Structures are given as C-alpha cells and as structure tokens.
Amino acid sequence: MAVLDHPDAFSTLTLAGTRAVAPGPPDGDLPDHDQATMSRLFARPMPDWSNREAVAEFAATGAEILGDDPVAARAIAARIWDRTPGTAPAVQMANQMGMVFSRLDCTPRWRERLSEIGIPTLVVHGRRNRFFPVGNGEALAREIPGAWLLVLKEAATAIPDRSVGEVTEAMLGLG
C-alpha cells in the first residue's frame, strides 16, 4: 500500500472493496472469499484475450457471478480493451485482470502497519461483496485511526452507478 511507504505523497485516502491483508489468505478474524462464488468464478475458461467481444463477455459473466452489473462490466471491459495499446493477449489479460497485483511485495504485512496511516481515510465497501465480505472493510475502518466506513447496501464488488454520487460526496468530505 503506497500510503504506508510514502505518506507525504497523500492528503487523503479512499479504499474500496478491499481487505487488510493482501495478497494472500485472510487472518482468522477476517471473513474469506465465499467459496461457492470463487469456485464458479475460477471454473470459467479464460477468454481469447485478443478478441474484444470474448473479453467483454468474460468480464460480464464474472460480474454476474460476483453480484455486480454485467452490462456495466461489459462496457468497462470494452473501454479498457479499446484503450490498451496493442491486442497481444498477454497485454490485454494484464490490463483486464490487474495482474500487476500478483507481483506485490507486502512485507511487512499491511495490516500490522494500518495504525501508521495518519491522513483522512474513507473505506467504501459493498454489503453484498462476496469476494471480500464486508467484515474486511469494517476491519480496515477499525484499524486505521479516524477512518470512516461507507457501506453501500446494494453493492457487491463494484461501485454501482447509482452510488457514485454518495461515494463522491463522502470522498469530498475527507478534505
């Protein structure tokens, strides 16, 4: 988490749909991924990453499994595909799946350092998030001094369009 290593580079922080330990398994006091959801999500075959429509469909079906809006996910995946320079499958896959996170070095672990965060912090979490259940957002807000938790009752892993104004207002209230 960049704010831990470079605190002077930030004036506020917003964490959305994440957990206090990453990457890796959660601590025993944190809820883990819903296993039935994860089984469905990772049982799907990978798309042809050089095919825009296949990538958009893959994103839409994943969103549906996670409880998010598949139409919005399809549109976002298509925009990401369109803005990615080149159609090489490896490049498209990296952009779509955020593979950069697989290379993170999270030592020392983030959770042990959360109390170091000294800037206004908003934690946004979907009540229906099956990937990182809401207890993860609650732990972040509890362990970051003065953090404010905004739980979106109808959201899963993505911030729905209907909640953008509420999230924006909360973010603006940090400064």
C-alpha atoms as a PDB file:
ATOM      1  CA  MET A   1       0.000   0.000   0.000  1.00  0.00           C
ATOM      2  CA  ALA A   2       1.762   3.115  -1.243  1.00  0.00           C
ATOM      3  CA  VAL A   3       0.454   5.363   1.528  1.00  0.00           C
ATOM      4  CA  LEU A   4       2.401   3.331   4.092  1.00  0.00           C
ATOM      5  CA  ASP A   5       5.725   3.770   2.321  1.00  0.00           C
ATOM      6  CA  HIS A   6       5.155   7.315   1.014  1.00  0.00           C
ATOM      7  CA  PRO A   7       2.790   9.042   3.454  1.00  0.00           C
ATOM      8  CA  ASP A   8       3.806  12.545   2.383  1.00  0.00           C
ATOM      9  CA  ALA A   9       2.544  11.862  -1.145  1.00  0.00           C
ATOM     10  CA  PHE A  10      -1.086  11.642   0.007  1.00  0.00           C
ATOM     11  CA  SER A  11      -3.505  14.100   1.565  1.00  0.00           C
ATOM     12  CA  THR A  12      -6.473  11.691   1.786  1.00  0.00           C
ATOM     13  CA  LEU A  13      -7.058   8.007   1.132  1.00  0.00           C
ATOM     14  CA  THR A  14     -10.031   6.042  -0.175  1.00  0.00           C
ATOM     15  CA  LEU A  15     -10.009   2.250  -0.033  1.00  0.00           C
ATOM     16  CA  ALA A  16     -12.788   0.490  -1.918  1.00  0.00           C
ATOM     17  CA  GLY A  17     -13.790  -3.162  -1.678  1.00  0.00           C
ATOM     18  CA  THR A  18     -10.538  -4.494  -0.280  1.00  0.00           C
ATOM     19  CA  ARG A  19      -9.144  -6.114   2.843  1.00  0.00           C
ATOM     20  CA  ALA A  20      -6.464  -5.526   5.445  1.00  0.00           C
ATOM     21  CA  VAL A  21      -4.219  -8.343   4.235  1.00  0.00           C
ATOM     22  CA  ALA A  22      -3.154  -8.628   0.632  1.00  0.00           C
ATOM     23  CA  PRO A  23      -2.277 -10.611  -1.245  1.00  0.00           C
ATOM     24  CA  GLY A  24      -2.717 -13.942   0.472  1.00  0.00           C
ATOM     25  CA  PRO A  25      -5.099 -15.625   2.854  1.00  0.00           C
ATOM     26  CA  PRO A  26      -7.012 -13.565   5.407  1.00  0.00           C
ATOM     27  CA  ASP A  27      -6.289 -13.606   9.097  1.00  0.00           C
ATOM     28  CA  GLY A  28      -8.535 -15.839  11.184  1.00  0.00           C
ATOM     29  CA  ASP A  29     -10.665 -12.912  12.368  1.00  0.00           C
ATOM     30  CA  LEU A  30     -11.483 -11.774   8.822  1.00  0.00           C
ATOM     31  CA  PRO A  31     -14.080 -13.359   6.549  1.00  0.00           C
ATOM     32  CA  ASP A  32     -12.637 -15.091   3.500  1.00  0.00           C
ATOM     33  CA  HIS A  33     -13.988 -15.217  -0.035  1.00  0.00           C
ATOM     34  CA  ASP A  34     -17.307 -17.013  -0.467  1.00  0.00           C
ATOM     35  CA  GLN A  35     -16.039 -20.398  -1.666  1.00  0.00           C
ATOM     36  CA  ALA A  36     -19.055 -21.235  -3.853  1.00  0.00           C
ATOM     37  CA  THR A  37     -18.655 -17.899  -5.633  1.00  0.00           C
ATOM     38  CA  MET A  38     -14.910 -18.396  -6.064  1.00  0.00           C
ATOM     39  CA  SER A  39     -15.445 -21.903  -7.464  1.00  0.00           C
ATOM     40  CA  ARG A  40     -17.859 -20.558 -10.070  1.00  0.00           C
ATOM     41  CA  LEU A  41     -15.643 -17.570 -10.856  1.00  0.00           C
ATOM     42  CA  PHE A  42     -12.444 -19.546 -11.393  1.00  0.00           C
ATOM     43  CA  ALA A  43     -14.037 -22.554 -13.112  1.00  0.00           C
ATOM     44  CA  ARG A  44     -14.689 -20.462 -16.212  1.00  0.00           C
ATOM     45  CA  PRO A  45     -12.317 -20.948 -19.134  1.00  0.00           C
ATOM     46  CA  MET A  46     -10.120 -17.973 -19.964  1.00  0.00           C
ATOM     47  CA  PRO A  47     -11.284 -15.992 -22.979  1.00  0.00           C
ATOM     48  CA  ASP A  48      -9.341 -15.365 -26.161  1.00  0.00           C
ATOM     49  CA  TRP A  49      -7.595 -12.236 -24.835  1.00  0.00           C
ATOM     50  CA  SER A  50      -7.087 -10.960 -28.387  1.00  0.00           C
ATOM     51  CA  ASN A  51     -10.856 -10.916 -29.006  1.00  0.00           C
ATOM     52  CA  ARG A  52     -12.621  -7.802 -27.689  1.00  0.00           C
ATOM     53  CA  GLU A  53     -16.079  -9.416 -27.514  1.00  0.00           C
ATOM     54  CA  ALA A  54     -14.776 -12.532 -25.740  1.00  0.00           C
ATOM     55  CA  VAL A  55     -13.027 -10.368 -23.149  1.00  0.00           C
ATOM     56  CA  ALA A  56     -16.139  -8.242 -22.613  1.00  0.00           C
ATOM     57  CA  GLU A  57     -18.275 -11.380 -22.212  1.00  0.00           C
ATOM     58  CA  PHE A  58     -15.770 -12.826 -19.726  1.00  0.00           C
ATOM     59  CA  ALA A  59     -15.987  -9.631 -17.654  1.00  0.00           C
ATOM     60  CA  ALA A  60     -19.802  -9.637 -17.817  1.00  0.00           C
ATOM     61  CA  THR A  61     -20.143 -13.236 -16.646  1.00  0.00           C
ATOM     62  CA  GLY A  62     -17.638 -12.614 -13.848  1.00  0.00           C
ATOM     63  CA  ALA A  63     -19.577  -9.574 -12.709  1.00  0.00           C
ATOM     64  CA  GLU A  64     -22.800 -11.551 -12.685  1.00  0.00           C
ATOM     65  CA  ILE A  65     -21.200 -14.255 -10.508  1.00  0.00           C
ATOM     66  CA  LEU A  66     -19.910 -11.590  -8.095  1.00  0.00           C
ATOM     67  CA  GLY A  67     -23.301  -9.864  -7.893  1.00  0.00           C
ATOM     68  CA  ASP A  68     -22.278  -6.827  -9.939  1.00  0.00           C
ATOM     69  CA  ASP A  69     -23.904  -5.317 -13.025  1.00  0.00           C
ATOM     70  CA  PRO A  70     -22.874  -7.406 -16.050  1.00  0.00           C
ATOM     71  CA  VAL A  71     -23.853  -4.663 -18.521  1.00  0.00           C
ATOM     72  CA  ALA A  72     -21.593  -2.147 -16.774  1.00  0.00           C
ATOM     73  CA  ALA A  73     -18.773  -4.696 -16.521  1.00  0.00           C
ATOM     74  CA  ARG A  74     -19.037  -5.466 -20.245  1.00  0.00           C
ATOM     75  CA  ALA A  75     -18.839  -1.753 -21.096  1.00  0.00           C
ATOM     76  CA  ILE A  76     -15.859  -1.173 -18.793  1.00  0.00           C
ATOM     77  CA  ALA A  77     -14.003  -4.192 -20.191  1.00  0.00           C
ATOM     78  CA  ALA A  78     -14.611  -2.948 -23.738  1.00  0.00           C
ATOM     79  CA  ARG A  79     -13.291   0.531 -22.826  1.00  0.00           C
ATOM     80  CA  ILE A  80     -10.190  -0.984 -21.228  1.00  0.00           C
ATOM     81  CA  TRP A  81      -9.664  -3.184 -24.285  1.00  0.00           C
ATOM     82  CA  ASP A  82     -10.035  -0.174 -26.592  1.00  0.00           C
ATOM     83  CA  ARG A  83      -7.546   1.998 -24.707  1.00  0.00           C
ATOM     84  CA  THR A  84      -4.911  -0.727 -24.399  1.00  0.00           C
ATOM     85  CA  PRO A  85      -2.077  -0.220 -26.877  1.00  0.00           C
ATOM     86  CA  GLY A  86      -1.886  -3.414 -28.872  1.00  0.00           C
ATOM     87  CA  THR A  87      -4.007  -6.532 -28.915  1.00  0.00           C
ATOM     88  CA  ALA A  88      -1.416  -9.029 -27.692  1.00  0.00           C
ATOM     89  CA  PRO A  89      -3.236 -11.497 -25.450  1.00  0.00           C
ATOM     90  CA  ALA A  90      -0.760 -11.089 -22.579  1.00  0.00           C
ATOM     91  CA  VAL A  91      -1.139  -7.294 -22.597  1.00  0.00           C
ATOM     92  CA  GLN A  92      -4.928  -7.463 -22.704  1.00  0.00           C
ATOM     93  CA  MET A  93      -5.038 -10.046 -19.913  1.00  0.00           C
ATOM     94  CA  ALA A  94      -2.771  -7.946 -17.704  1.00  0.00           C
ATOM     95  CA  ASN A  95      -4.909  -4.848 -18.206  1.00  0.00           C
ATOM     96  CA  GLN A  96      -8.197  -6.639 -17.683  1.00  0.00           C
ATOM     97  CA  MET A  97      -7.232  -8.685 -14.642  1.00  0.00           C
ATOM     98  CA  GLY A  98      -4.843  -6.371 -12.869  1.00  0.00           C
ATOM     99  CA  MET A  99      -2.086  -8.962 -12.918  1.00  0.00           C
ATOM    100  CA  VAL A 100       0.316  -6.392 -11.532  1.00  0.00           C
ATOM    101  CA  PHE A 101      -1.012  -7.266  -8.066  1.00  0.00           C
ATOM    102  CA  SER A 102       0.423 -10.761  -8.306  1.00  0.00           C
ATOM    103  CA  ARG A 103       3.887  -9.204  -8.010  1.00  0.00           C
ATOM    104  CA  LEU A 104       3.255  -7.085  -4.911  1.00  0.00           C
ATOM    105  CA  ASP A 105       5.655  -7.487  -2.037  1.00  0.00           C
ATOM    106  CA  CYS A 106       3.524  -6.934   1.033  1.00  0.00           C
ATOM    107  CA  THR A 107       6.188  -7.362   3.650  1.00  0.00           C
ATOM    108  CA  PRO A 108       5.844  -6.239   6.262  1.00  0.00           C
ATOM    109  CA  ARG A 109       2.180  -7.051   6.038  1.00  0.00           C
ATOM    110  CA  TRP A 110      -0.148  -4.119   5.546  1.00  0.00           C
ATOM    111  CA  ARG A 111      -2.399  -4.975   8.462  1.00  0.00           C
ATOM    112  CA  GLU A 112       0.329  -4.549  11.044  1.00  0.00           C
ATOM    113  CA  ARG A 113       1.015  -1.058   9.678  1.00  0.00           C
ATOM    114  CA  LEU A 114      -2.523   0.333   9.308  1.00  0.00           C
ATOM    115  CA  SER A 115      -2.202   2.352  12.515  1.00  0.00           C
ATOM    116  CA  GLU A 116       0.571   4.360  10.778  1.00  0.00           C
ATOM    117  CA  ILE A 117      -1.944   5.932   8.394  1.00  0.00           C
ATOM    118  CA  GLY A 118      -2.410   9.480   9.622  1.00  0.00           C
ATOM    119  CA  ILE A 119      -4.483  11.063   6.871  1.00  0.00           C
ATOM    120  CA  PRO A 120      -8.265  11.249   6.446  1.00  0.00           C
ATOM    121  CA  THR A 121      -9.376   7.844   5.182  1.00  0.00           C
ATOM    122  CA  LEU A 122     -12.628   6.612   3.677  1.00  0.00           C
ATOM    123  CA  VAL A 123     -13.314   2.886   3.410  1.00  0.00           C
ATOM    124  CA  VAL A 124     -16.046   2.058   0.865  1.00  0.00           C
ATOM    125  CA  HIS A 125     -17.412  -1.465   0.848  1.00  0.00           C
ATOM    126  CA  GLY A 126     -20.363  -3.251  -0.740  1.00  0.00           C
ATOM    127  CA  ARG A 127     -22.652  -5.049   1.712  1.00  0.00           C
ATOM    128  CA  ARG A 128     -23.100  -7.833  -0.888  1.00  0.00           C
ATOM    129  CA  ASN A 129     -19.368  -8.236  -1.652  1.00  0.00           C
ATOM    130  CA  ARG A 130     -18.714 -11.992  -1.795  1.00  0.00           C
ATOM    131  CA  PHE A 131     -15.093 -11.574  -2.896  1.00  0.00           C
ATOM    132  CA  PHE A 132     -14.073  -9.568   0.180  1.00  0.00           C
ATOM    133  CA  PRO A 133     -17.046  -9.788   2.568  1.00  0.00           C
ATOM    134  CA  VAL A 134     -17.943  -6.566   4.388  1.00  0.00           C
ATOM    135  CA  GLY A 135     -16.149  -7.632   7.578  1.00  0.00           C
ATOM    136  CA  ASN A 136     -12.929  -6.834   5.735  1.00  0.00           C
ATOM    137  CA  GLY A 137     -13.970  -3.215   5.187  1.00  0.00           C
ATOM    138  CA  GLU A 138     -15.101  -2.990   8.796  1.00  0.00           C
ATOM    139  CA  ALA A 139     -11.656  -4.185   9.956  1.00  0.00           C
ATOM    140  CA  LEU A 140      -9.903  -1.588   7.793  1.00  0.00           C
ATOM    141  CA  ALA A 141     -12.044   1.212   9.193  1.00  0.00           C
ATOM    142  CA  ARG A 142     -11.491  -0.034  12.734  1.00  0.00           C
ATOM    143  CA  GLU A 143      -7.700  -0.329  12.394  1.00  0.00           C
ATOM    144  CA  ILE A 144      -6.975   2.930  10.529  1.00  0.00           C
ATOM    145  CA  PRO A 145      -7.135   5.805  13.026  1.00  0.00           C
ATOM    146  CA  GLY A 146     -10.160   8.022  12.373  1.00  0.00           C
ATOM    147  CA  ALA A 147     -11.226   6.157   9.214  1.00  0.00           C
ATOM    148  CA  TRP A 148     -14.817   6.481   8.078  1.00  0.00           C
ATOM    149  CA  LEU A 149     -16.690   3.424   6.726  1.00  0.00           C
ATOM    150  CA  LEU A 150     -19.290   3.823   3.999  1.00  0.00           C
ATOM    151  CA  VAL A 151     -21.176   0.573   3.367  1.00  0.00           C
ATOM    152  CA  LEU A 152     -23.174   0.524   0.145  1.00  0.00           C
ATOM    153  CA  LYS A 153     -26.175  -1.683   0.890  1.00  0.00           C
ATOM    154  CA  GLU A 154     -26.909  -2.761  -2.678  1.00  0.00           C
ATOM    155  CA  ALA A 155     -23.305  -3.023  -3.917  1.00  0.00           C
ATOM    156  CA  ALA A 156     -21.114  -6.078  -4.371  1.00  0.00           C
ATOM    157  CA  THR A 157     -17.523  -5.657  -5.616  1.00  0.00           C
ATOM    158  CA  ALA A 158     -18.090  -2.683  -7.915  1.00  0.00           C
ATOM    159  CA  ILE A 159     -19.474   0.736  -7.048  1.00  0.00           C
ATOM    160  CA  PRO A 160     -22.788   0.884  -8.921  1.00  0.00           C
ATOM    161  CA  ASP A 161     -23.563   3.975 -10.983  1.00  0.00           C
ATOM    162  CA  ARG A 162     -26.458   4.801  -8.630  1.00  0.00           C
ATOM    163  CA  SER A 163     -23.957   5.095  -5.718  1.00  0.00           C
ATOM    164  CA  VAL A 164     -21.338   7.260  -7.433  1.00  0.00           C
ATOM    165  CA  GLY A 165     -22.793  10.497  -6.041  1.00  0.00           C
ATOM    166  CA  GLU A 166     -22.828   9.146  -2.486  1.00  0.00           C
ATOM    167  CA  VAL A 167     -19.211   7.940  -2.766  1.00  0.00           C
ATOM    168  CA  THR A 168     -18.100  11.205  -4.380  1.00  0.00           C
ATOM    169  CA  GLU A 169     -19.738  13.215  -1.621  1.00  0.00           C
ATOM    170  CA  ALA A 170     -18.013  11.094   1.028  1.00  0.00           C
ATOM    171  CA  MET A 171     -14.640  11.482  -0.708  1.00  0.00           C
ATOM    172  CA  LEU A 172     -15.040  15.242  -0.949  1.00  0.00           C
ATOM    173  CA  GLY A 173     -15.883  15.312   2.740  1.00  0.00           C
ATOM    174  CA  LEU A 174     -12.433  13.907   3.562  1.00  0.00           C
ATOM    175  CA  GLY A 175     -10.544  17.011   2.537  1.00  0.00           C
END
